[in-house]
Amino acid sequence: MGKLSLLKEFWDFLKVRKKWWLTPIVLVLLLLGALIVFSQGSAVSPFIYTLF
């Protein structure tokens, strides 16, 4: 329930303040975080770490 309320508050913030330019930034950060978390135990990790 805590995560859903955080998402709802963020969505309300975007609607009220008209900060739509924040959406792509947040999405890219979430995708990079998921890429790092899911690739830690795989054979692809040496190739991903060379990107950073």
PDB file of N, CA and C in Angstrom:
ATOM      1  N   MET A   1       0.828  -1.194   0.000  1.00  0.00           N
ATOM      2  CA  MET A   1       0.000   0.000   0.000  1.00  0.00           C
ATOM      3  C   MET A   1       0.865   1.248   0.000  1.00  0.00           C
ATOM      4  N   GLY A   2       2.047   1.190   0.616  1.00  0.00           N
ATOM      5  CA  GLY A   2       2.916   2.345   0.682  1.00  0.00           C
ATOM      6  C   GLY A   2       3.437   2.759  -0.680  1.00  0.00           C
ATOM      7  N   LYS A   3       3.770   1.764  -1.529  1.00  0.00           N
ATOM      8  CA  LYS A   3       4.273   2.077  -2.858  1.00  0.00           C
ATOM      9  C   LYS A   3       3.190   2.677  -3.735  1.00  0.00           C
ATOM     10  N   LEU A   4       1.978   2.178  -3.578  1.00  0.00           N
ATOM     11  CA  LEU A   4       0.881   2.706  -4.381  1.00  0.00           C
ATOM     12  C   LEU A   4       0.571   4.146  -4.007  1.00  0.00           C
ATOM     13  N   SER A   5       0.650   4.470  -2.733  1.00  0.00           N
ATOM     14  CA  SER A   5       0.375   5.847  -2.337  1.00  0.00           C
ATOM     15  C   SER A   5       1.483   6.778  -2.817  1.00  0.00           C
ATOM     16  N   LEU A   6       2.706   6.276  -2.855  1.00  0.00           N
ATOM     17  CA  LEU A   6       3.804   7.084  -3.373  1.00  0.00           C
ATOM     18  C   LEU A   6       3.605   7.375  -4.859  1.00  0.00           C
ATOM     19  N   LEU A   7       3.203   6.357  -5.611  1.00  0.00           N
ATOM     20  CA  LEU A   7       2.934   6.567  -7.034  1.00  0.00           C
ATOM     21  C   LEU A   7       1.768   7.518  -7.258  1.00  0.00           C
ATOM     22  N   LYS A   8       0.737   7.401  -6.416  1.00  0.00           N
ATOM     23  CA  LYS A   8      -0.419   8.292  -6.551  1.00  0.00           C
ATOM     24  C   LYS A   8      -0.026   9.732  -6.236  1.00  0.00           C
ATOM     25  N   GLU A   9       0.778   9.917  -5.212  1.00  0.00           N
ATOM     26  CA  GLU A   9       1.228  11.269  -4.880  1.00  0.00           C
ATOM     27  C   GLU A   9       2.092  11.853  -5.986  1.00  0.00           C
ATOM     28  N   PHE A  10       2.966  11.029  -6.568  1.00  0.00           N
ATOM     29  CA  PHE A  10       3.804  11.507  -7.667  1.00  0.00           C
ATOM     30  C   PHE A  10       2.949  11.882  -8.869  1.00  0.00           C
ATOM     31  N   TRP A  11       1.943  11.057  -9.176  1.00  0.00           N
ATOM     32  CA  TRP A  11       1.047  11.351 -10.297  1.00  0.00           C
ATOM     33  C   TRP A  11       0.273  12.647 -10.046  1.00  0.00           C
ATOM     34  N   ASP A  12      -0.223  12.825  -8.832  1.00  0.00           N
ATOM     35  CA  ASP A  12      -0.939  14.058  -8.496  1.00  0.00           C
ATOM     36  C   ASP A  12      -0.022  15.277  -8.593  1.00  0.00           C
ATOM     37  N   PHE A  13       1.228  15.122  -8.172  1.00  0.00           N
ATOM     38  CA  PHE A  13       2.198  16.202  -8.285  1.00  0.00           C
ATOM     39  C   PHE A  13       2.407  16.596  -9.745  1.00  0.00           C
ATOM     40  N   LEU A  14       2.547  15.589 -10.614  1.00  0.00           N
ATOM     41  CA  LEU A  14       2.747  15.876 -12.031  1.00  0.00           C
ATOM     42  C   LEU A  14       1.533  16.583 -12.639  1.00  0.00           C
ATOM     43  N   LYS A  15       0.336  16.160 -12.245  1.00  0.00           N
ATOM     44  CA  LYS A  15      -0.873  16.775 -12.794  1.00  0.00           C
ATOM     45  C   LYS A  15      -1.035  18.213 -12.326  1.00  0.00           C
ATOM     46  N   VAL A  16      -0.842  18.447 -11.040  1.00  0.00           N
ATOM     47  CA  VAL A  16      -1.107  19.771 -10.484  1.00  0.00           C
ATOM     48  C   VAL A  16      -0.030  20.767 -10.887  1.00  0.00           C
ATOM     49  N   ARG A  17       1.227  20.363 -10.795  1.00  0.00           N
ATOM     50  CA  ARG A  17       2.344  21.283 -11.058  1.00  0.00           C
ATOM     51  C   ARG A  17       2.766  21.338 -12.516  1.00  0.00           C
ATOM     52  N   LYS A  18       2.194  20.488 -13.357  1.00  0.00           N
ATOM     53  CA  LYS A  18       2.522  20.439 -14.792  1.00  0.00           C
ATOM     54  C   LYS A  18       4.012  20.201 -15.024  1.00  0.00           C
ATOM     55  N   LYS A  19       4.570  19.241 -14.294  1.00  0.00           N
ATOM     56  CA  LYS A  19       5.990  18.900 -14.419  1.00  0.00           C
ATOM     57  C   LYS A  19       6.149  17.641 -15.254  1.00  0.00           C
ATOM     58  N   TRP A  20       5.607  17.617 -16.456  1.00  0.00           N
ATOM     59  CA  TRP A  20       5.629  16.418 -17.279  1.00  0.00           C
ATOM     60  C   TRP A  20       7.034  16.058 -17.750  1.00  0.00           C
ATOM     61  N   TRP A  21       7.956  17.011 -17.705  1.00  0.00           N
ATOM     62  CA  TRP A  21       9.329  16.723 -18.135  1.00  0.00           C
ATOM     63  C   TRP A  21      10.047  15.809 -17.145  1.00  0.00           C
ATOM     64  N   LEU A  22       9.521  15.643 -15.938  1.00  0.00           N
ATOM     65  CA  LEU A  22      10.127  14.740 -14.964  1.00  0.00           C
ATOM     66  C   LEU A  22       9.865  13.263 -15.274  1.00  0.00           C
ATOM     67  N   THR A  23       8.820  12.983 -16.022  1.00  0.00           N
ATOM     68  CA  THR A  23       8.429  11.606 -16.294  1.00  0.00           C
ATOM     69  C   THR A  23       9.523  10.804 -17.003  1.00  0.00           C
ATOM     70  N   PRO A  24      10.123  11.298 -18.097  1.00  0.00           N
ATOM     71  CA  PRO A  24      11.176  10.503 -18.738  1.00  0.00           C
ATOM     72  C   PRO A  24      12.403  10.311 -17.853  1.00  0.00           C
ATOM     73  N   ILE A  25      12.728  11.289 -17.045  1.00  0.00           N
ATOM     74  CA  ILE A  25      13.886  11.176 -16.152  1.00  0.00           C
ATOM     75  C   ILE A  25      13.650  10.065 -15.139  1.00  0.00           C
ATOM     76  N   VAL A  26      12.483  10.034 -14.536  1.00  0.00           N
ATOM     77  CA  VAL A  26      12.162   9.010 -13.543  1.00  0.00           C
ATOM     78  C   VAL A  26      12.124   7.630 -14.185  1.00  0.00           C
ATOM     79  N   LEU A  27      11.562   7.539 -15.383  1.00  0.00           N
ATOM     80  CA  LEU A  27      11.505   6.246 -16.063  1.00  0.00           C
ATOM     81  C   LEU A  27      12.891   5.715 -16.399  1.00  0.00           C
ATOM     82  N   VAL A  28      13.778   6.574 -16.862  1.00  0.00           N
ATOM     83  CA  VAL A  28      15.143   6.141 -17.184  1.00  0.00           C
ATOM     84  C   VAL A  28      15.874   5.697 -15.923  1.00  0.00           C
ATOM     85  N   LEU A  29      15.707   6.431 -14.836  1.00  0.00           N
ATOM     86  CA  LEU A  29      16.345   6.036 -13.580  1.00  0.00           C
ATOM     87  C   LEU A  29      15.827   4.689 -13.085  1.00  0.00           C
ATOM     88  N   LEU A  30      14.530   4.457 -13.205  1.00  0.00           N
ATOM     89  CA  LEU A  30      13.961   3.171 -12.799  1.00  0.00           C
ATOM     90  C   LEU A  30      14.466   2.034 -13.680  1.00  0.00           C
ATOM     91  N   LEU A  31      14.570   2.277 -14.979  1.00  0.00           N
ATOM     92  CA  LEU A  31      15.067   1.241 -15.880  1.00  0.00           C
ATOM     93  C   LEU A  31      16.531   0.924 -15.619  1.00  0.00           C
ATOM     94  N   LEU A  32      17.351   1.937 -15.364  1.00  0.00           N
ATOM     95  CA  LEU A  32      18.757   1.689 -15.046  1.00  0.00           C
ATOM     96  C   LEU A  32      18.905   0.928 -13.735  1.00  0.00           C
ATOM     97  N   GLY A  33      18.105   1.280 -12.750  1.00  0.00           N
ATOM     98  CA  GLY A  33      18.145   0.564 -11.480  1.00  0.00           C
ATOM     99  C   GLY A  33      17.732  -0.888 -11.639  1.00  0.00           C
ATOM    100  N   ALA A  34      16.686  -1.131 -12.424  1.00  0.00           N
ATOM    101  CA  ALA A  34      16.248  -2.510 -12.661  1.00  0.00           C
ATOM    102  C   ALA A  34      17.307  -3.290 -13.443  1.00  0.00           C
ATOM    103  N   LEU A  35      17.959  -2.641 -14.390  1.00  0.00           N
ATOM    104  CA  LEU A  35      19.014  -3.304 -15.155  1.00  0.00           C
ATOM    105  C   LEU A  35      20.163  -3.724 -14.257  1.00  0.00           C
ATOM    106  N   ILE A  36      20.550  -2.873 -13.344  1.00  0.00           N
ATOM    107  CA  ILE A  36      21.644  -3.194 -12.431  1.00  0.00           C
ATOM    108  C   ILE A  36      21.247  -4.323 -11.476  1.00  0.00           C
ATOM    109  N   VAL A  37      20.042  -4.269 -10.946  1.00  0.00           N
ATOM    110  CA  VAL A  37      19.594  -5.285  -9.994  1.00  0.00           C
ATOM    111  C   VAL A  37      19.467  -6.654 -10.664  1.00  0.00           C
ATOM    112  N   PHE A  38      18.869  -6.707 -11.837  1.00  0.00           N
ATOM    113  CA  PHE A  38      18.628  -7.994 -12.484  1.00  0.00           C
ATOM    114  C   PHE A  38      19.864  -8.582 -13.148  1.00  0.00           C
ATOM    115  N   SER A  39      20.874  -7.779 -13.405  1.00  0.00           N
ATOM    116  CA  SER A  39      22.055  -8.295 -14.100  1.00  0.00           C
ATOM    117  C   SER A  39      23.188  -8.654 -13.139  1.00  0.00           C
ATOM    118  N   GLN A  40      23.016  -8.497 -11.862  1.00  0.00           N
ATOM    119  CA  GLN A  40      24.099  -8.768 -10.919  1.00  0.00           C
ATOM    120  C   GLN A  40      24.518 -10.229 -10.924  1.00  0.00           C
ATOM    121  N   GLY A  41      23.614 -11.136 -11.051  1.00  0.00           N
ATOM    122  CA  GLY A  41      23.961 -12.541 -10.977  1.00  0.00           C
ATOM    123  C   GLY A  41      24.051 -13.219 -12.328  1.00  0.00           C
ATOM    124  N   SER A  42      23.999 -12.473 -13.394  1.00  0.00           N
ATOM    125  CA  SER A  42      23.978 -13.112 -14.711  1.00  0.00           C
ATOM    126  C   SER A  42      25.336 -13.010 -15.399  1.00  0.00           C
ATOM    127  N   ALA A  43      25.434 -13.670 -16.529  1.00  0.00           N
ATOM    128  CA  ALA A  43      26.676 -13.664 -17.303  1.00  0.00           C
ATOM    129  C   ALA A  43      26.830 -12.380 -18.103  1.00  0.00           C
ATOM    130  N   VAL A  44      25.817 -11.552 -18.134  1.00  0.00           N
ATOM    131  CA  VAL A  44      25.853 -10.315 -18.909  1.00  0.00           C
ATOM    132  C   VAL A  44      26.487  -9.181 -18.110  1.00  0.00           C
ATOM    133  N   SER A  45      26.635  -9.352 -16.812  1.00  0.00           N
ATOM    134  CA  SER A  45      27.091  -8.265 -15.948  1.00  0.00           C
ATOM    135  C   SER A  45      28.441  -7.654 -16.349  1.00  0.00           C
ATOM    136  N   PRO A  46      29.442  -8.403 -16.807  1.00  0.00           N
ATOM    137  CA  PRO A  46      30.689  -7.732 -17.209  1.00  0.00           C
ATOM    138  C   PRO A  46      30.490  -6.748 -18.365  1.00  0.00           C
ATOM    139  N   PHE A  47      29.557  -7.046 -19.239  1.00  0.00           N
ATOM    140  CA  PHE A  47      29.310  -6.169 -20.386  1.00  0.00           C
ATOM    141  C   PHE A  47      28.527  -4.927 -19.978  1.00  0.00           C
ATOM    142  N   ILE A  48      27.647  -5.077 -19.011  1.00  0.00           N
ATOM    143  CA  ILE A  48      26.869  -3.931 -18.546  1.00  0.00           C
ATOM    144  C   ILE A  48      27.744  -2.970 -17.756  1.00  0.00           C
ATOM    145  N   TYR A  49      28.660  -3.503 -16.935  1.00  0.00           N
ATOM    146  CA  TYR A  49      29.511  -2.644 -16.134  1.00  0.00           C
ATOM    147  C   TYR A  49      30.486  -1.838 -16.991  1.00  0.00           C
ATOM    148  N   THR A  50      30.781  -2.306 -18.196  1.00  0.00           N
ATOM    149  CA  THR A  50      31.653  -1.522 -19.069  1.00  0.00           C
ATOM    150  C   THR A  50      30.938  -0.299 -19.625  1.00  0.00           C
ATOM    151  N   LEU A  51      29.597  -0.312 -19.618  1.00  0.00           N
ATOM    152  CA  LEU A  51      28.855   0.846 -20.093  1.00  0.00           C
ATOM    153  C   LEU A  51      28.970   2.014 -19.125  1.00  0.00           C
ATOM    154  N   PHE A  52      29.156   1.732 -17.856  1.00  0.00           N
ATOM    155  CA  PHE A  52      29.210   2.777 -16.861  1.00  0.00           C
ATOM    156  C   PHE A  52      30.641   3.047 -16.500  1.00  0.00           C
TER     157      PHE A  52
END
